[in-house]
N, C-alpha and C. Protein backbone atom coordinates (compact mmCIF):
# COMPACT_ATOMS: atom_id res chain seq x y z
N MET A 1 85.69 94.78 79.86
CA MET A 1 85.71 93.46 80.51
C MET A 1 84.49 92.65 80.05
N ASP A 2 84.69 91.35 79.77
CA ASP A 2 83.58 90.51 79.34
C ASP A 2 82.56 90.37 80.46
N ALA A 3 81.29 90.22 80.04
CA ALA A 3 80.22 90.04 81.03
C ALA A 3 80.39 88.70 81.73
N THR A 4 79.96 88.66 82.99
CA THR A 4 79.99 87.41 83.76
C THR A 4 79.04 86.41 83.12
N LYS A 5 79.54 85.18 82.88
CA LYS A 5 78.74 84.16 82.19
C LYS A 5 78.10 83.21 83.19
N ILE A 6 76.80 83.05 83.07
CA ILE A 6 76.04 82.15 83.94
C ILE A 6 75.28 81.15 83.09
N LEU A 7 75.37 79.89 83.47
CA LEU A 7 74.65 78.81 82.80
C LEU A 7 73.49 78.37 83.68
N ILE A 8 72.28 78.36 83.12
CA ILE A 8 71.10 77.88 83.83
C ILE A 8 70.75 76.50 83.27
N ILE A 9 70.74 75.49 84.13
CA ILE A 9 70.33 74.14 83.73
C ILE A 9 69.05 73.81 84.51
N GLU A 10 67.93 74.02 83.88
CA GLU A 10 66.62 73.92 84.53
C GLU A 10 65.60 73.47 83.50
N ASP A 11 64.88 72.36 83.79
CA ASP A 11 63.94 71.84 82.79
C ASP A 11 62.58 72.51 82.82
N ASP A 12 62.28 73.28 83.86
CA ASP A 12 61.04 74.06 83.90
C ASP A 12 61.25 75.27 82.98
N ILE A 13 60.66 75.22 81.79
CA ILE A 13 60.92 76.24 80.77
C ILE A 13 60.53 77.63 81.25
N THR A 14 59.39 77.73 81.95
CA THR A 14 58.94 79.04 82.42
C THR A 14 59.92 79.62 83.44
N LEU A 15 60.31 78.80 84.42
CA LEU A 15 61.26 79.27 85.43
C LEU A 15 62.60 79.61 84.80
N ASN A 16 63.05 78.77 83.87
CA ASN A 16 64.31 79.02 83.18
C ASN A 16 64.29 80.39 82.50
N LYS A 17 63.18 80.69 81.80
CA LYS A 17 63.06 81.97 81.11
C LYS A 17 63.02 83.14 82.09
N GLN A 18 62.32 82.95 83.21
CA GLN A 18 62.21 84.02 84.21
C GLN A 18 63.58 84.36 84.80
N ILE A 19 64.33 83.31 85.16
CA ILE A 19 65.66 83.52 85.74
C ILE A 19 66.58 84.18 84.71
N ALA A 20 66.52 83.68 83.47
CA ALA A 20 67.38 84.22 82.41
C ALA A 20 67.09 85.70 82.17
N ALA A 21 65.81 86.05 82.13
CA ALA A 21 65.44 87.45 81.89
C ALA A 21 65.94 88.35 83.01
N LEU A 22 65.81 87.87 84.24
CA LEU A 22 66.26 88.64 85.40
C LEU A 22 67.77 88.87 85.35
N LEU A 23 68.51 87.82 85.03
CA LEU A 23 69.97 87.93 85.00
C LEU A 23 70.44 88.80 83.83
N LYS A 24 69.78 88.66 82.69
CA LYS A 24 70.15 89.49 81.53
C LYS A 24 69.91 90.97 81.82
N ASP A 25 68.82 91.26 82.54
CA ASP A 25 68.53 92.66 82.90
C ASP A 25 69.64 93.25 83.77
N ARG A 26 70.34 92.39 84.48
CA ARG A 26 71.42 92.84 85.36
C ARG A 26 72.79 92.77 84.70
N GLY A 27 72.79 92.51 83.39
CA GLY A 27 74.03 92.57 82.62
C GLY A 27 74.81 91.28 82.50
N PHE A 28 74.24 90.16 82.97
CA PHE A 28 74.94 88.89 82.86
C PHE A 28 74.80 88.29 81.47
N ASP A 29 75.80 87.54 81.04
CA ASP A 29 75.75 86.77 79.79
C ASP A 29 75.18 85.40 80.15
N VAL A 30 73.95 85.15 79.73
CA VAL A 30 73.21 83.97 80.20
C VAL A 30 73.07 82.92 79.09
N HIS A 31 73.33 81.66 79.47
CA HIS A 31 73.12 80.53 78.57
C HIS A 31 72.13 79.58 79.25
N GLN A 32 71.26 78.95 78.46
CA GLN A 32 70.20 78.12 79.04
C GLN A 32 70.22 76.70 78.48
N CYS A 33 70.01 75.73 79.37
CA CYS A 33 69.85 74.33 78.98
C CYS A 33 68.64 73.77 79.72
N HIS A 34 68.04 72.71 79.14
CA HIS A 34 66.80 72.19 79.72
C HIS A 34 66.86 70.70 80.07
N ASP A 35 68.00 70.05 79.87
CA ASP A 35 68.13 68.66 80.31
C ASP A 35 69.57 68.41 80.74
N GLY A 36 69.77 67.30 81.45
CA GLY A 36 71.06 67.05 82.06
C GLY A 36 72.20 66.83 81.08
N ASN A 37 71.96 66.03 80.04
CA ASN A 37 73.03 65.76 79.08
C ASN A 37 73.48 67.03 78.37
N GLN A 38 72.51 67.81 77.90
CA GLN A 38 72.84 69.07 77.23
C GLN A 38 73.58 70.00 78.19
N GLY A 39 73.13 70.02 79.44
CA GLY A 39 73.77 70.88 80.43
C GLY A 39 75.21 70.50 80.70
N LEU A 40 75.48 69.20 80.82
CA LEU A 40 76.85 68.74 81.10
C LEU A 40 77.76 69.04 79.92
N VAL A 41 77.30 68.76 78.71
CA VAL A 41 78.10 69.03 77.52
C VAL A 41 78.44 70.52 77.44
N THR A 42 77.45 71.37 77.68
CA THR A 42 77.68 72.82 77.61
C THR A 42 78.64 73.28 78.71
N ALA A 43 78.46 72.76 79.91
CA ALA A 43 79.31 73.16 81.04
C ALA A 43 80.76 72.76 80.83
N LEU A 44 80.98 71.62 80.17
CA LEU A 44 82.35 71.16 79.91
C LEU A 44 82.97 71.87 78.70
N ARG A 45 82.13 72.21 77.73
CA ARG A 45 82.63 72.79 76.49
C ARG A 45 83.03 74.26 76.65
N GLU A 46 82.28 74.99 77.45
CA GLU A 46 82.49 76.43 77.56
C GLU A 46 82.91 76.82 78.98
N ARG A 47 83.43 78.05 79.11
CA ARG A 47 83.82 78.56 80.42
C ARG A 47 82.68 79.40 80.99
N PHE A 48 82.25 79.06 82.19
CA PHE A 48 81.21 79.82 82.89
C PHE A 48 81.74 80.28 84.25
N ASP A 49 81.22 81.40 84.70
CA ASP A 49 81.59 81.91 86.01
C ASP A 49 80.73 81.31 87.11
N LEU A 50 79.54 80.82 86.74
CA LEU A 50 78.63 80.24 87.73
C LEU A 50 77.58 79.41 87.00
N ILE A 51 77.14 78.35 87.66
CA ILE A 51 76.08 77.49 87.10
C ILE A 51 74.95 77.37 88.11
N LEU A 52 73.72 77.60 87.65
CA LEU A 52 72.51 77.31 88.43
C LEU A 52 72.01 75.96 87.96
N LEU A 53 72.00 74.97 88.85
CA LEU A 53 71.77 73.58 88.47
C LEU A 53 70.57 72.99 89.20
N ASP A 54 69.54 72.63 88.45
CA ASP A 54 68.39 71.96 89.04
C ASP A 54 68.76 70.50 89.34
N VAL A 55 68.12 69.92 90.34
CA VAL A 55 68.40 68.53 90.71
C VAL A 55 67.65 67.56 89.82
N LEU A 56 66.35 67.77 89.65
CA LEU A 56 65.51 66.83 88.90
C LEU A 56 65.49 67.24 87.43
N LEU A 57 66.38 66.61 86.65
CA LEU A 57 66.52 66.92 85.23
C LEU A 57 66.28 65.67 84.39
N PRO A 58 65.77 65.83 83.18
CA PRO A 58 65.66 64.68 82.27
C PRO A 58 67.03 64.18 81.84
N ASN A 59 67.13 62.89 81.59
CA ASN A 59 68.31 62.22 81.03
C ASN A 59 69.47 62.06 82.00
N LEU A 60 69.79 63.10 82.76
CA LEU A 60 70.90 63.03 83.71
C LEU A 60 70.57 63.97 84.86
N ASN A 61 70.44 63.42 86.09
CA ASN A 61 70.03 64.29 87.19
C ASN A 61 71.16 65.20 87.64
N GLY A 62 70.81 66.21 88.42
CA GLY A 62 71.77 67.22 88.82
C GLY A 62 72.95 66.68 89.62
N PHE A 63 72.70 65.68 90.48
CA PHE A 63 73.79 65.12 91.27
C PHE A 63 74.82 64.42 90.39
N SER A 64 74.34 63.61 89.42
CA SER A 64 75.25 62.92 88.51
C SER A 64 75.99 63.91 87.63
N LEU A 65 75.27 64.92 87.17
CA LEU A 65 75.89 65.95 86.34
C LEU A 65 77.03 66.63 87.11
N LEU A 66 76.76 67.02 88.34
CA LEU A 66 77.77 67.71 89.14
C LEU A 66 78.97 66.82 89.42
N SER A 67 78.70 65.55 89.68
CA SER A 67 79.79 64.61 89.95
C SER A 67 80.73 64.50 88.76
N GLN A 68 80.17 64.44 87.55
CA GLN A 68 81.00 64.35 86.35
C GLN A 68 81.70 65.68 86.07
N LEU A 69 81.00 66.78 86.30
CA LEU A 69 81.59 68.10 86.07
C LEU A 69 82.81 68.32 86.96
N ARG A 70 82.72 67.91 88.22
CA ARG A 70 83.80 68.16 89.18
C ARG A 70 85.09 67.40 88.85
N LYS A 71 85.00 66.39 88.01
CA LYS A 71 86.21 65.68 87.60
C LYS A 71 87.02 66.48 86.59
N ARG A 72 86.39 67.49 86.01
CA ARG A 72 87.05 68.29 84.97
C ARG A 72 87.16 69.77 85.32
N LYS A 73 86.15 70.30 86.01
CA LYS A 73 86.12 71.74 86.26
C LYS A 73 85.64 72.04 87.67
N GLN A 74 86.03 73.23 88.15
CA GLN A 74 85.61 73.68 89.48
C GLN A 74 84.71 74.91 89.38
N THR A 75 83.93 75.00 88.33
CA THR A 75 83.00 76.11 88.16
C THR A 75 82.06 76.19 89.36
N PRO A 76 81.87 77.37 89.95
CA PRO A 76 80.94 77.50 91.08
C PRO A 76 79.52 77.07 90.69
N VAL A 77 78.88 76.29 91.56
CA VAL A 77 77.55 75.74 91.27
C VAL A 77 76.60 76.00 92.43
N ILE A 78 75.44 76.55 92.10
CA ILE A 78 74.33 76.65 93.06
C ILE A 78 73.29 75.63 92.63
N MET A 79 73.01 74.66 93.50
CA MET A 79 72.00 73.65 93.18
C MET A 79 70.62 74.15 93.59
N VAL A 80 69.64 73.81 92.76
CA VAL A 80 68.26 74.22 92.99
C VAL A 80 67.40 72.96 93.03
N THR A 81 66.56 72.82 94.07
CA THR A 81 65.74 71.62 94.18
C THR A 81 64.38 71.94 94.76
N ALA A 82 63.41 71.12 94.38
CA ALA A 82 62.07 71.26 94.94
C ALA A 82 61.99 70.65 96.32
N CYS A 83 63.03 69.90 96.69
CA CYS A 83 63.06 69.25 98.01
C CYS A 83 64.14 69.91 98.87
N GLY A 84 63.73 70.41 100.01
CA GLY A 84 64.69 71.10 100.88
C GLY A 84 65.22 70.23 102.00
N ALA A 85 65.06 68.91 101.88
CA ALA A 85 65.48 68.01 102.95
C ALA A 85 66.99 68.08 103.19
N GLU A 86 67.38 67.90 104.44
CA GLU A 86 68.79 67.98 104.81
C GLU A 86 69.62 66.95 104.05
N GLN A 87 69.07 65.75 103.85
CA GLN A 87 69.81 64.70 103.16
C GLN A 87 70.15 65.12 101.73
N GLU A 88 69.20 65.81 101.08
CA GLU A 88 69.45 66.31 99.73
C GLU A 88 70.58 67.34 99.73
N ARG A 89 70.55 68.23 100.70
CA ARG A 89 71.59 69.27 100.76
C ARG A 89 72.96 68.64 100.99
N ILE A 90 73.01 67.66 101.90
CA ILE A 90 74.28 66.99 102.18
C ILE A 90 74.81 66.30 100.92
N LYS A 91 73.92 65.66 100.18
CA LYS A 91 74.33 64.98 98.95
C LYS A 91 74.87 65.98 97.94
N GLY A 92 74.21 67.14 97.84
CA GLY A 92 74.67 68.18 96.92
C GLY A 92 76.04 68.69 97.28
N TYR A 93 76.24 69.01 98.57
CA TYR A 93 77.54 69.50 99.00
C TYR A 93 78.62 68.43 98.85
N SER A 94 78.26 67.18 99.11
CA SER A 94 79.23 66.08 98.98
C SER A 94 79.69 65.92 97.53
N ASN A 95 78.81 66.22 96.60
CA ASN A 95 79.15 66.09 95.19
C ASN A 95 79.88 67.32 94.66
N GLY A 96 80.03 68.35 95.49
CA GLY A 96 80.80 69.51 95.06
C GLY A 96 80.02 70.79 94.85
N ALA A 97 78.76 70.85 95.32
CA ALA A 97 77.99 72.09 95.18
C ALA A 97 78.58 73.17 96.09
N ASP A 98 78.50 74.42 95.65
CA ASP A 98 78.99 75.55 96.44
C ASP A 98 77.89 76.18 97.28
N ASP A 99 76.66 76.06 96.81
CA ASP A 99 75.52 76.60 97.56
C ASP A 99 74.29 75.80 97.16
N TYR A 100 73.21 75.97 97.94
CA TYR A 100 72.02 75.16 97.76
C TYR A 100 70.81 76.04 97.95
N MET A 101 69.84 75.98 97.03
CA MET A 101 68.67 76.85 97.09
C MET A 101 67.40 76.03 96.87
N PRO A 102 66.58 75.85 97.93
CA PRO A 102 65.34 75.08 97.78
C PRO A 102 64.23 75.90 97.12
N LYS A 103 63.43 75.23 96.28
CA LYS A 103 62.24 75.86 95.69
C LYS A 103 61.10 75.78 96.69
N PRO A 104 60.18 76.75 96.69
CA PRO A 104 60.24 78.01 95.93
C PRO A 104 61.19 78.99 96.60
N PHE A 105 61.80 79.83 95.80
CA PHE A 105 62.71 80.84 96.33
C PHE A 105 62.35 82.19 95.72
N SER A 106 62.73 83.24 96.40
CA SER A 106 62.48 84.58 95.86
C SER A 106 63.65 84.96 94.97
N PHE A 107 63.39 85.75 93.95
CA PHE A 107 64.45 86.18 93.06
C PHE A 107 65.45 87.10 93.79
N VAL A 108 64.98 87.77 94.82
CA VAL A 108 65.89 88.60 95.62
C VAL A 108 66.91 87.71 96.31
N GLU A 109 66.43 86.63 96.93
CA GLU A 109 67.35 85.70 97.59
C GLU A 109 68.31 85.09 96.58
N MET A 110 67.79 84.71 95.41
CA MET A 110 68.64 84.12 94.38
C MET A 110 69.76 85.07 93.98
N MET A 111 69.43 86.35 93.78
CA MET A 111 70.45 87.32 93.37
C MET A 111 71.49 87.51 94.47
N LEU A 112 71.06 87.53 95.72
CA LEU A 112 72.00 87.68 96.83
C LEU A 112 72.98 86.50 96.88
N ARG A 113 72.45 85.30 96.67
CA ARG A 113 73.30 84.12 96.70
C ARG A 113 74.28 84.12 95.52
N ILE A 114 73.79 84.50 94.33
CA ILE A 114 74.65 84.56 93.16
C ILE A 114 75.76 85.58 93.36
N GLU A 115 75.40 86.77 93.83
CA GLU A 115 76.40 87.82 94.02
C GLU A 115 77.43 87.44 95.07
N ALA A 116 76.98 86.78 96.14
CA ALA A 116 77.91 86.37 97.19
C ALA A 116 78.89 85.32 96.68
N LEU A 117 78.39 84.36 95.90
CA LEU A 117 79.27 83.31 95.38
C LEU A 117 80.24 83.87 94.34
N LEU A 118 79.76 84.79 93.52
CA LEU A 118 80.64 85.40 92.52
C LEU A 118 81.75 86.23 93.18
N ARG A 119 81.41 86.91 94.26
CA ARG A 119 82.42 87.69 94.98
C ARG A 119 83.53 86.79 95.49
N ARG A 120 83.15 85.58 95.95
CA ARG A 120 84.15 84.65 96.50
C ARG A 120 85.00 84.03 95.41
N SER A 121 84.45 83.90 94.21
CA SER A 121 85.12 83.10 93.18
C SER A 121 85.76 83.88 92.04
N LEU A 122 85.23 85.02 91.67
CA LEU A 122 85.70 85.67 90.45
C LEU A 122 87.14 86.16 90.55
N ASN A 123 87.58 86.55 91.73
CA ASN A 123 88.94 87.06 91.86
C ASN A 123 89.94 86.00 92.29
N VAL A 124 89.47 84.75 92.33
CA VAL A 124 90.35 83.65 92.71
C VAL A 124 90.62 82.80 91.48
N LYS A 125 91.88 82.61 91.18
CA LYS A 125 92.24 81.81 90.01
C LYS A 125 91.75 80.38 90.20
N SER A 126 91.15 79.83 89.16
CA SER A 126 90.63 78.47 89.22
C SER A 126 91.73 77.49 89.59
N ASN A 127 91.38 76.57 90.48
CA ASN A 127 92.36 75.61 90.96
C ASN A 127 92.15 74.25 90.31
N GLU A 128 91.93 74.28 88.99
CA GLU A 128 91.71 73.04 88.27
C GLU A 128 93.04 72.34 88.03
N VAL A 129 93.12 71.09 88.43
CA VAL A 129 94.36 70.33 88.32
C VAL A 129 94.32 69.47 87.06
N THR A 130 95.33 69.59 86.24
CA THR A 130 95.42 68.76 85.05
C THR A 130 96.16 67.48 85.40
N ARG A 131 95.48 66.35 85.29
CA ARG A 131 96.13 65.08 85.59
C ARG A 131 96.90 64.61 84.38
N ASN A 132 98.06 64.03 84.63
CA ASN A 132 98.87 63.51 83.53
C ASN A 132 98.85 61.99 83.46
N SER A 133 98.26 61.35 84.47
CA SER A 133 98.20 59.89 84.42
C SER A 133 96.96 59.38 85.15
N ILE A 134 96.51 58.23 84.72
CA ILE A 134 95.40 57.54 85.38
C ILE A 134 95.77 56.06 85.51
N VAL A 135 95.52 55.49 86.67
CA VAL A 135 95.71 54.05 86.88
C VAL A 135 94.41 53.49 87.40
N VAL A 136 93.82 52.56 86.65
CA VAL A 136 92.60 51.87 87.06
C VAL A 136 92.86 50.37 86.91
N ASP A 137 93.05 49.73 88.06
CA ASP A 137 93.37 48.30 88.07
C ASP A 137 94.58 48.02 87.18
N GLU A 138 94.43 47.22 86.12
CA GLU A 138 95.59 46.86 85.28
C GLU A 138 95.91 47.91 84.22
N ILE A 139 95.04 48.91 84.08
CA ILE A 139 95.22 49.90 83.00
C ILE A 139 95.97 51.11 83.51
N THR A 140 96.99 51.52 82.77
CA THR A 140 97.74 52.74 83.08
C THR A 140 97.77 53.62 81.85
N LEU A 141 97.40 54.90 82.03
CA LEU A 141 97.44 55.86 80.94
C LEU A 141 98.39 56.99 81.30
N ASP A 142 99.27 57.33 80.38
CA ASP A 142 100.21 58.43 80.54
C ASP A 142 99.87 59.46 79.46
N ARG A 143 99.19 60.53 79.87
CA ARG A 143 98.70 61.51 78.89
C ARG A 143 99.84 62.32 78.29
N ARG A 144 100.87 62.56 79.06
CA ARG A 144 101.98 63.38 78.56
C ARG A 144 102.64 62.73 77.35
N ASN A 145 102.76 61.41 77.39
CA ASN A 145 103.42 60.68 76.30
C ASN A 145 102.46 59.87 75.44
N LEU A 146 101.15 60.00 75.73
CA LEU A 146 100.11 59.26 75.01
C LEU A 146 100.42 57.76 74.98
N LYS A 147 100.78 57.22 76.16
CA LYS A 147 101.08 55.80 76.27
C LYS A 147 100.03 55.11 77.14
N ALA A 148 99.63 53.92 76.71
CA ALA A 148 98.64 53.14 77.45
C ALA A 148 99.15 51.72 77.64
N ASN A 149 98.90 51.17 78.83
CA ASN A 149 99.32 49.80 79.13
C ASN A 149 98.21 49.05 79.83
N PHE A 150 98.15 47.76 79.56
CA PHE A 150 97.27 46.87 80.31
C PHE A 150 98.11 45.74 80.87
N ALA A 151 98.20 45.67 82.20
CA ALA A 151 99.00 44.65 82.88
C ALA A 151 100.42 44.59 82.32
N GLY A 152 100.98 45.78 82.05
CA GLY A 152 102.35 45.84 81.54
C GLY A 152 102.48 45.70 80.04
N LYS A 153 101.37 45.38 79.35
CA LYS A 153 101.41 45.25 77.89
C LYS A 153 101.01 46.58 77.26
N ALA A 154 101.80 47.03 76.30
CA ALA A 154 101.50 48.28 75.62
C ALA A 154 100.26 48.14 74.75
N LEU A 155 99.39 49.14 74.82
CA LEU A 155 98.20 49.18 73.97
C LEU A 155 98.46 50.16 72.83
N ASP A 156 98.27 49.71 71.61
CA ASP A 156 98.50 50.55 70.44
C ASP A 156 97.22 51.34 70.14
N LEU A 157 97.12 52.52 70.76
CA LEU A 157 95.92 53.35 70.60
C LEU A 157 96.23 54.60 69.79
N THR A 158 95.29 54.98 68.93
CA THR A 158 95.41 56.27 68.27
C THR A 158 95.15 57.37 69.30
N SER A 159 95.43 58.61 68.96
CA SER A 159 95.21 59.71 69.90
C SER A 159 93.74 59.83 70.29
N THR A 160 92.84 59.58 69.33
CA THR A 160 91.41 59.64 69.64
C THR A 160 91.00 58.50 70.55
N GLN A 161 91.51 57.31 70.29
CA GLN A 161 91.21 56.16 71.13
C GLN A 161 91.75 56.36 72.54
N PHE A 162 92.94 56.94 72.64
CA PHE A 162 93.52 57.24 73.96
C PHE A 162 92.62 58.22 74.71
N LYS A 163 92.20 59.28 74.04
CA LYS A 163 91.35 60.29 74.67
C LYS A 163 90.02 59.68 75.12
N LEU A 164 89.47 58.79 74.31
CA LEU A 164 88.22 58.13 74.64
C LEU A 164 88.38 57.27 75.89
N LEU A 165 89.44 56.48 75.93
CA LEU A 165 89.68 55.62 77.10
C LEU A 165 89.95 56.47 78.34
N TRP A 166 90.65 57.58 78.18
CA TRP A 166 90.92 58.48 79.31
C TRP A 166 89.61 58.97 79.92
N VAL A 167 88.69 59.43 79.08
CA VAL A 167 87.41 59.95 79.57
C VAL A 167 86.60 58.84 80.24
N LEU A 168 86.62 57.64 79.68
CA LEU A 168 85.90 56.52 80.28
C LEU A 168 86.46 56.17 81.66
N LEU A 169 87.78 56.12 81.77
CA LEU A 169 88.39 55.78 83.05
C LEU A 169 88.21 56.90 84.08
N GLU A 170 88.28 58.14 83.61
CA GLU A 170 88.12 59.29 84.50
C GLU A 170 86.72 59.31 85.10
N ASN A 171 85.78 58.70 84.39
CA ASN A 171 84.38 58.67 84.84
C ASN A 171 83.92 57.23 85.08
N GLN A 172 84.80 56.43 85.67
CA GLN A 172 84.50 55.03 85.93
C GLN A 172 83.20 54.90 86.72
N ASN A 173 82.39 53.92 86.30
CA ASN A 173 81.09 53.62 86.92
C ASN A 173 80.02 54.68 86.65
N GLU A 174 80.29 55.60 85.71
CA GLU A 174 79.30 56.58 85.29
C GLU A 174 78.92 56.28 83.84
N VAL A 175 77.61 56.29 83.56
CA VAL A 175 77.16 56.12 82.18
C VAL A 175 77.39 57.44 81.44
N LEU A 176 78.17 57.39 80.36
CA LEU A 176 78.49 58.59 79.59
C LEU A 176 77.69 58.56 78.29
N SER A 177 76.92 59.60 78.06
CA SER A 177 76.06 59.66 76.88
C SER A 177 76.88 59.90 75.62
N LYS A 178 76.30 59.54 74.50
CA LYS A 178 76.97 59.79 73.22
C LYS A 178 77.18 61.28 72.96
N PRO A 179 76.18 62.15 73.22
CA PRO A 179 76.43 63.58 73.00
C PRO A 179 77.62 64.10 73.81
N LEU A 180 77.75 63.63 75.06
CA LEU A 180 78.87 64.06 75.89
C LEU A 180 80.20 63.59 75.30
N LEU A 181 80.26 62.33 74.87
CA LEU A 181 81.50 61.79 74.33
C LEU A 181 81.86 62.42 72.99
N TYR A 182 80.86 62.72 72.19
CA TYR A 182 81.14 63.42 70.93
C TYR A 182 81.79 64.76 71.21
N GLN A 183 81.27 65.47 72.21
CA GLN A 183 81.78 66.81 72.50
C GLN A 183 83.16 66.76 73.14
N THR A 184 83.36 65.86 74.10
CA THR A 184 84.61 65.85 74.85
C THR A 184 85.72 65.08 74.14
N VAL A 185 85.38 64.09 73.34
CA VAL A 185 86.40 63.27 72.67
C VAL A 185 86.59 63.67 71.21
N LEU A 186 85.48 63.71 70.46
CA LEU A 186 85.57 64.02 69.03
C LEU A 186 85.49 65.51 68.76
N GLU A 187 85.09 66.27 69.78
CA GLU A 187 85.03 67.73 69.70
C GLU A 187 84.11 68.21 68.58
N ARG A 188 82.97 67.57 68.47
CA ARG A 188 81.93 68.01 67.55
C ARG A 188 80.59 67.55 68.07
N SER A 189 79.53 68.10 67.51
CA SER A 189 78.18 67.79 67.97
C SER A 189 77.78 66.37 67.56
N PHE A 190 76.93 65.77 68.37
CA PHE A 190 76.45 64.41 68.12
C PHE A 190 75.50 64.38 66.93
N SER A 191 75.64 63.37 66.10
CA SER A 191 74.70 63.10 65.02
C SER A 191 74.36 61.62 65.04
N ARG A 192 73.09 61.30 65.01
CA ARG A 192 72.69 59.89 65.09
C ARG A 192 73.13 59.10 63.87
N TYR A 193 73.49 59.81 62.78
CA TYR A 193 73.92 59.12 61.56
C TYR A 193 75.44 58.95 61.50
N ASP A 194 76.14 59.52 62.46
CA ASP A 194 77.60 59.46 62.51
C ASP A 194 78.00 58.27 63.38
N ARG A 195 78.73 57.32 62.80
CA ARG A 195 79.11 56.10 63.52
C ARG A 195 80.56 56.16 64.02
N SER A 196 81.18 57.33 63.95
CA SER A 196 82.59 57.44 64.32
C SER A 196 82.86 56.98 65.75
N LEU A 197 82.03 57.45 66.68
CA LEU A 197 82.25 57.10 68.09
C LEU A 197 82.12 55.60 68.30
N ASP A 198 81.11 54.98 67.69
CA ASP A 198 80.93 53.54 67.82
C ASP A 198 82.15 52.79 67.30
N MET A 199 82.72 53.29 66.20
CA MET A 199 83.90 52.65 65.62
C MET A 199 85.09 52.74 66.57
N HIS A 200 85.33 53.93 67.12
CA HIS A 200 86.45 54.10 68.06
C HIS A 200 86.22 53.26 69.32
N MET A 201 84.99 53.23 69.82
CA MET A 201 84.68 52.46 71.02
C MET A 201 84.92 50.97 70.77
N SER A 202 84.50 50.48 69.62
CA SER A 202 84.68 49.07 69.29
C SER A 202 86.16 48.69 69.24
N ARG A 203 86.98 49.58 68.69
CA ARG A 203 88.41 49.28 68.59
C ARG A 203 89.11 49.34 69.95
N VAL A 204 88.70 50.28 70.79
CA VAL A 204 89.25 50.35 72.14
C VAL A 204 88.89 49.09 72.92
N ARG A 205 87.63 48.69 72.83
CA ARG A 205 87.18 47.49 73.54
C ARG A 205 87.95 46.27 73.05
N LYS A 206 88.11 46.13 71.75
CA LYS A 206 88.79 44.98 71.17
C LYS A 206 90.24 44.91 71.66
N LYS A 207 90.94 46.04 71.66
CA LYS A 207 92.34 46.05 72.08
C LYS A 207 92.49 45.72 73.57
N LEU A 208 91.54 46.19 74.38
CA LEU A 208 91.59 45.88 75.80
C LEU A 208 91.31 44.40 76.06
N ILE A 209 90.35 43.86 75.34
CA ILE A 209 90.02 42.44 75.51
C ILE A 209 91.18 41.57 75.05
N GLU A 210 91.80 41.93 73.94
CA GLU A 210 92.96 41.17 73.45
C GLU A 210 94.11 41.20 74.44
N ALA A 211 94.19 42.31 75.21
CA ALA A 211 95.26 42.43 76.21
C ALA A 211 94.94 41.68 77.50
N GLY A 212 93.68 41.23 77.64
CA GLY A 212 93.31 40.44 78.81
C GLY A 212 92.19 40.98 79.66
N MET A 213 91.57 42.09 79.26
CA MET A 213 90.48 42.65 80.05
C MET A 213 89.19 41.86 79.87
N SER A 214 88.39 41.76 80.92
CA SER A 214 87.09 41.12 80.82
C SER A 214 86.19 41.91 79.89
N PRO A 215 85.48 41.26 78.96
CA PRO A 215 84.62 41.97 78.01
C PRO A 215 83.49 42.76 78.68
N THR A 216 83.14 42.38 79.91
CA THR A 216 81.99 43.03 80.57
C THR A 216 82.33 44.39 81.17
N ARG A 217 83.60 44.73 81.23
CA ARG A 217 83.98 45.97 81.91
C ARG A 217 83.61 47.22 81.10
N LEU A 218 83.66 47.12 79.79
CA LEU A 218 83.29 48.25 78.94
C LEU A 218 81.99 47.87 78.24
N ALA A 219 80.89 48.43 78.74
CA ALA A 219 79.57 47.99 78.30
C ALA A 219 78.79 49.11 77.62
N THR A 220 77.95 48.71 76.68
CA THR A 220 77.01 49.62 76.04
C THR A 220 75.71 49.62 76.82
N GLN A 221 75.27 50.78 77.25
CA GLN A 221 73.98 50.92 77.92
C GLN A 221 72.99 51.43 76.88
N HIS A 222 72.19 50.54 76.34
CA HIS A 222 71.33 50.85 75.20
C HIS A 222 70.41 52.03 75.51
N GLY A 223 70.46 53.02 74.62
CA GLY A 223 69.63 54.20 74.79
C GLY A 223 70.21 55.23 75.74
N LYS A 224 71.34 54.90 76.39
CA LYS A 224 71.93 55.81 77.37
C LYS A 224 73.36 56.20 77.01
N GLY A 225 74.21 55.21 76.67
CA GLY A 225 75.59 55.54 76.37
C GLY A 225 76.51 54.38 76.69
N TYR A 226 77.68 54.70 77.27
CA TYR A 226 78.70 53.68 77.55
C TYR A 226 79.13 53.78 79.01
N LEU A 227 79.53 52.62 79.54
CA LEU A 227 79.93 52.53 80.95
C LEU A 227 81.18 51.69 81.08
N PHE A 228 82.21 52.26 81.75
CA PHE A 228 83.38 51.47 82.13
C PHE A 228 83.28 51.21 83.62
N SER A 229 83.21 49.92 83.99
CA SER A 229 83.01 49.56 85.41
C SER A 229 84.24 48.86 85.97
């Protein structure tokens, strides 16, 4: 049987290494990330049995990461934060966290929480629902037939453009980084010299605007990524 896979998303390099070493000693298959964007891309790209997720992360905080992850996967998540305030815990649970662990914590407590969550989840088949359609205002996407419409007008999108628009609509009002979109849409790693994503984004925007969409709805967030509002 394959080893249980755990993803650690923690920007404190020392703590990340300590947790990883402890889990590896216990036979877990451990993967490590140190910032939010990298963590989200990894969590979406691969299958994990559990994720340890820090709240205060560079580029994309833990709450935003979890919110985007939950639209695609139901991987069990234990959130870790330096703040143990009730409001923080409520926000974590509201975004889909399965458990919450305030810093500082003992490694004994951490292992007990991990083992308890794995017991609840490993023998239960994932209840991830595959959506076949999305409707956002005037836009309708039918994934089964790869058809897109704006206010009843058919949009002539390539399969890549359709997939790009699907991800944007699925994450409406969330800024999506280029590394994330490269991984989820183009299915390859981001390169700053590769203009493919920009080209596809420009064509999707142009077709939507020609169909009647306001140009401001699909915006470039300089240095961050793209936002459909």
